[in-house]
Amino acid sequence: MKEFLHDHSSIITKVLLNQFGAAFMGLMITAAASRTPWLMMCASCFAIFFYLFLLYNVIWEIGGQDRIRVDGGRAEYKPLTGVWVSLIANIPSIFLGILVVVGYIFGSKGGMFAYEWAGNMYSVSKTLSMLWNAMYIGVIRTFSPYNPLAYLLQVLPAVFVTGLGYYLGLRNRRIFGFIGSTKNKSDKNKGFAQSAEHKKNGSR
């Protein structure tokens, strides 16, 4: 693990910076739209898409670089690298999510346990989690405002996209690769048509 952190410290830092930037943007646009629930949800969805798009692009490039090293025999084939990078980068989010769940269980006034320290921990960790993952505010408030598990499960989209992006980069494939292949196919057909036309003109 120490070697992994040393080799991938730069990309982990990039993932954290991307999350900070997306969280700041999400906080601004959801706050501006907070008076209209559906508009706040749309703003939150936009912030989430922007965040995941940034993650995908960054990690795909890393996967492409590692593919060159793997093909050259300078590195091992490790397709789950993106997943581990994302999990490490999301340690603060996972930690806060666990605190929210534990605080909710032991601090719930209507439950079996009702400790004051747990209630305080729930409130503080929930606020911090909402700030650090502000792009999810609108979605959570719309669909699951009172479910503490939402603050823990909100890391899953980033882990999935980062893992997928790295794997596709390692395989030199893109999600929208069919667009490029269609374009190349049409260019190729156009070239064949032009070649046939030249032959036809030359035979006259």
Foldseek 3Di string as FASTA:
>chain_A
DVVLCVVCVVVLVVLLVLLLVLLVQLQVQLVVVVVPLVSSLVSLVVSVVSSLVSLLVSLLVVLLVVLVCVVVVNDDDDLQSLLVSLCVSCPLLQVLLVLLVQLCQQCPPPHPHNDPVSVVSNVVSVVVLCSSNVSCVSVCVVPPVPDSNCSNCVSVSNSVSRSVSSNCSSVVHDPPVVVVVVVVVVVVVVVVVVVVVVVVVVVD
